[in-house]
Amino acid sequence: MTGTATRYLYLARHGEASPDETELTDAGRRQATLLGRRLRDVPLTSLHHGPLPRARQTARLVADELTGVAPHVSDIAGDYVPHVPERAELPPESADRYLSFLAGVTDEERRHGTELARRALRRFTGPVTEGSEDRHELVVTHNFLVAWLVRDAMYAPKWRWLGLEHGNAALTVIRYTPGRAASVVVSNDMRHLPDELRWTRFPPEPGV
């Protein structure tokens, strides 16, 4: 279907979670609030989030800083493995590492993740096809889905979601303009966070 307007997709990983991942830490709550303040001037039309507590709580704190945007839970914004590659898909030097990382994924998780990833691409990507107004959508999710959508925007092979890391409450923005290739205009941006709240994925990785 021909696009009629530009979609701006704002992707954010949830804030830092407790060790059992049942709630955000104090740092995670600060990260979420600051992310909301960063987005105050963005004309958001929707806010989607995954069903797990760390994404749901992050979305609620972000929404508290916004006007007129209510959080909406969505399974396709959840935490799942979007694609499990075969060895032949992977670079030889990193195949063992990636296959070991994914070794615990069950056949059911593989099927379910593939279907959710397909639905996420259909729902969240591409130019607007209904109406003539540009659309600004925020998805509060998890590292795997942010990586999957960035990979797609870059026309990279399916396995390349692996190895893409995103900080807690970091912001990525992808622009889908009719008649043009997708453009990653912001990636893993943490400038709304003070130094002590910036890190890429999991501590004790170095802050950036």
Protein backbone atom coordinates (compact mmCIF):
# COMPACT_ATOMS: atom_id res chain seq x y z
CA MET A 1 0.00 0.00 0.00
CA THR A 2 1.33 3.46 -0.90
CA GLY A 3 2.37 5.65 2.00
CA THR A 4 0.53 8.91 2.54
CA ALA A 5 2.51 10.49 5.41
CA THR A 6 5.66 10.01 7.47
CA ARG A 7 5.81 7.76 10.51
CA TYR A 8 8.26 8.62 13.29
CA LEU A 9 8.84 5.58 15.48
CA TYR A 10 10.32 6.33 18.91
CA LEU A 11 11.79 3.25 20.58
CA ALA A 12 12.88 3.14 24.21
CA ARG A 13 14.19 0.29 26.30
CA HIS A 14 12.66 0.09 29.78
CA GLY A 15 14.41 1.56 32.81
CA GLU A 16 16.74 -0.43 35.01
CA ALA A 17 14.90 -3.32 36.69
CA SER A 18 15.39 -5.08 40.02
CA PRO A 19 17.33 -8.39 39.97
CA ASP A 20 14.07 -10.38 39.81
CA GLU A 21 12.73 -7.98 37.14
CA THR A 22 9.43 -7.45 39.02
CA GLU A 23 9.86 -3.68 39.33
CA LEU A 24 12.06 -0.78 38.41
CA THR A 25 14.90 0.24 40.68
CA ASP A 26 15.14 3.80 41.96
CA ALA A 27 17.57 4.46 39.11
CA GLY A 28 15.12 2.92 36.65
CA ARG A 29 12.32 5.17 37.84
CA ARG A 30 14.55 8.22 37.45
CA GLN A 31 15.52 7.09 33.96
CA ALA A 32 11.87 6.67 32.96
CA THR A 33 10.86 10.07 34.30
CA LEU A 34 13.72 11.79 32.49
CA LEU A 35 12.81 10.00 29.28
CA GLY A 36 9.27 11.33 29.61
CA ARG A 37 10.58 14.85 30.07
CA ARG A 38 12.77 14.43 26.99
CA LEU A 39 9.65 13.60 24.96
CA ARG A 40 7.38 16.38 26.27
CA ASP A 41 7.62 18.44 23.09
CA VAL A 42 7.13 15.51 20.72
CA PRO A 43 3.59 15.38 19.25
CA LEU A 44 3.11 11.73 20.19
CA THR A 45 -0.02 10.07 18.87
CA SER A 46 0.33 6.78 20.77
CA LEU A 47 2.35 5.04 23.48
CA HIS A 48 2.68 1.26 23.32
CA HIS A 49 4.48 -0.90 25.85
CA GLY A 50 5.18 -4.54 26.53
CA PRO A 51 3.25 -6.49 29.18
CA LEU A 52 6.12 -7.18 31.60
CA PRO A 53 6.35 -5.05 34.78
CA ARG A 54 9.57 -3.25 33.85
CA ALA A 55 8.13 -2.03 30.54
CA ARG A 56 4.70 -1.27 31.98
CA GLN A 57 6.12 0.77 34.87
CA THR A 58 8.48 2.65 32.56
CA ALA A 59 5.61 3.54 30.21
CA ARG A 60 3.46 4.78 33.08
CA LEU A 61 6.23 7.06 34.38
CA VAL A 62 6.88 8.36 30.86
CA ALA A 63 3.15 9.04 30.37
CA ASP A 64 3.05 10.97 33.67
CA GLU A 65 5.35 13.54 32.03
CA LEU A 66 3.23 13.85 28.88
CA THR A 67 -0.14 15.34 28.02
CA GLY A 68 -2.93 13.47 26.29
CA VAL A 69 -1.14 10.17 25.66
CA ALA A 70 -2.28 7.04 27.51
CA PRO A 71 -0.15 3.87 27.68
CA HIS A 72 -1.44 0.89 25.72
CA VAL A 73 -0.17 -2.62 26.46
CA SER A 74 0.77 -4.79 23.48
CA ASP A 75 2.21 -8.30 23.29
CA ILE A 76 4.16 -7.38 20.17
CA ALA A 77 6.08 -4.80 22.24
CA GLY A 78 7.13 -7.53 24.68
CA ASP A 79 10.36 -9.35 25.44
CA TYR A 80 10.95 -12.19 22.99
CA VAL A 81 13.56 -13.58 20.61
CA PRO A 82 12.59 -12.28 17.15
CA HIS A 83 14.71 -14.64 15.08
CA VAL A 84 16.88 -17.65 15.86
CA PRO A 85 19.46 -18.00 13.08
CA GLU A 86 20.97 -21.15 11.66
CA ARG A 87 24.75 -21.46 11.84
CA ALA A 88 25.06 -20.80 8.10
CA GLU A 89 23.52 -17.33 8.57
CA LEU A 90 26.16 -16.21 11.07
CA PRO A 91 29.72 -14.95 10.63
CA PRO A 92 32.03 -17.93 11.36
CA GLU A 93 34.00 -16.03 14.01
CA SER A 94 30.91 -15.33 16.14
CA ALA A 95 28.61 -18.26 15.35
CA ASP A 96 29.52 -20.31 18.44
CA ARG A 97 28.94 -17.38 20.76
CA TYR A 98 25.54 -16.47 19.34
CA LEU A 99 24.32 -20.04 19.11
CA SER A 100 25.35 -20.64 22.72
CA PHE A 101 23.47 -17.49 23.78
CA LEU A 102 20.30 -18.77 22.07
CA ALA A 103 20.66 -22.42 23.03
CA GLY A 104 17.92 -22.24 25.67
CA VAL A 105 15.23 -20.97 23.29
CA THR A 106 12.53 -23.63 22.96
CA ASP A 107 10.75 -24.52 19.74
CA GLU A 108 7.59 -22.88 21.09
CA GLU A 109 9.47 -19.70 21.99
CA ARG A 110 11.03 -19.70 18.54
CA ARG A 111 7.66 -19.98 16.80
CA HIS A 112 6.01 -17.44 19.08
CA GLY A 113 8.87 -14.95 18.75
CA THR A 114 8.92 -15.22 14.97
CA GLU A 115 5.19 -14.49 14.80
CA LEU A 116 5.38 -11.54 17.22
CA ALA A 117 8.35 -10.11 15.32
CA ARG A 118 6.44 -10.35 12.04
CA ARG A 119 3.45 -8.57 13.60
CA ALA A 120 5.69 -5.88 15.09
CA LEU A 121 7.10 -5.07 11.65
CA ARG A 122 3.61 -4.89 10.20
CA ARG A 123 2.26 -2.69 13.01
CA PHE A 124 5.10 -0.33 13.82
CA THR A 125 7.10 0.18 10.61
CA GLY A 126 6.62 1.82 7.23
CA PRO A 127 5.02 5.12 6.20
CA VAL A 128 1.51 6.00 7.30
CA THR A 129 -1.03 4.50 4.89
CA GLU A 130 -4.22 5.96 6.37
CA GLY A 131 -4.63 9.74 6.44
CA SER A 132 -2.33 12.57 5.50
CA GLU A 133 -0.99 13.51 8.95
CA ASP A 134 2.46 12.50 10.09
CA ARG A 135 2.38 10.04 12.99
CA HIS A 136 4.64 9.97 16.05
CA GLU A 137 4.51 6.68 17.96
CA LEU A 138 6.41 5.65 21.08
CA VAL A 139 7.11 2.01 21.93
CA VAL A 140 8.53 1.24 25.38
CA THR A 141 9.98 -2.22 25.03
CA HIS A 142 13.09 -4.38 25.47
CA ASN A 143 16.52 -4.56 23.91
CA PHE A 144 15.70 -7.41 21.53
CA LEU A 145 12.79 -5.63 19.82
CA VAL A 146 14.64 -2.33 19.50
CA ALA A 147 17.50 -4.23 17.87
CA TRP A 148 15.11 -6.11 15.56
CA LEU A 149 13.46 -2.92 14.32
CA VAL A 150 16.78 -1.11 13.84
CA ARG A 151 18.08 -4.12 11.90
CA ASP A 152 15.04 -3.99 9.66
CA ALA A 153 15.40 -0.25 9.05
CA MET A 154 19.00 -0.81 7.99
CA TYR A 155 18.02 -3.65 5.60
CA ALA A 156 20.42 -5.90 7.49
CA PRO A 157 20.08 -9.71 7.56
CA LYS A 158 17.70 -11.18 10.11
CA TRP A 159 20.44 -12.44 12.43
CA ARG A 160 21.87 -8.94 12.86
CA TRP A 161 19.58 -8.04 15.75
CA LEU A 162 22.18 -9.93 17.75
CA GLY A 163 24.92 -7.73 19.13
CA LEU A 164 22.95 -4.48 19.03
CA GLU A 165 22.87 -3.09 22.58
CA HIS A 166 20.63 -0.34 23.93
CA GLY A 167 20.87 1.41 27.27
CA ASN A 168 18.07 1.57 29.81
CA ALA A 169 15.69 4.41 28.84
CA ALA A 170 17.84 5.18 25.79
CA LEU A 171 16.00 6.62 22.80
CA THR A 172 16.10 5.45 19.19
CA VAL A 173 14.08 7.14 16.43
CA ILE A 174 13.35 5.69 12.99
CA ARG A 175 11.72 7.77 10.24
CA TYR A 176 9.59 6.15 7.53
CA THR A 177 8.94 8.61 4.71
CA PRO A 178 6.86 7.69 1.64
CA GLY A 179 9.07 6.94 -1.33
CA ARG A 180 12.29 6.76 0.70
CA ALA A 181 14.23 4.12 2.59
CA ALA A 182 13.79 4.03 6.36
CA SER A 183 16.21 6.28 8.25
CA VAL A 184 17.60 5.73 11.75
CA VAL A 185 17.83 9.37 12.82
CA VAL A 186 18.65 8.79 16.52
CA SER A 187 20.24 5.66 17.99
CA ASN A 188 20.71 4.67 21.65
CA ASP A 189 20.62 8.33 22.69
CA MET A 190 21.04 8.91 26.44
CA ARG A 191 21.62 12.66 26.52
CA HIS A 192 18.52 13.12 28.70
CA LEU A 193 20.21 11.07 31.44
CA PRO A 194 22.96 12.21 33.81
CA ASP A 195 26.25 10.34 33.62
CA GLU A 196 25.47 8.02 36.52
CA LEU A 197 22.32 6.74 34.77
CA ARG A 198 23.92 6.03 31.41
CA TRP A 199 25.04 2.55 30.47
CA THR A 200 24.73 0.26 27.51
CA ARG A 201 22.59 -2.70 28.41
CA PHE A 202 23.75 -4.39 31.62
CA PRO A 203 26.16 -3.19 34.32
CA PRO A 204 29.09 -3.48 34.75
CA GLU A 205 29.42 -2.57 31.08
CA PRO A 206 31.12 0.84 30.78
CA GLY A 207 28.96 3.93 30.77
CA VAL A 208 28.81 5.94 27.58
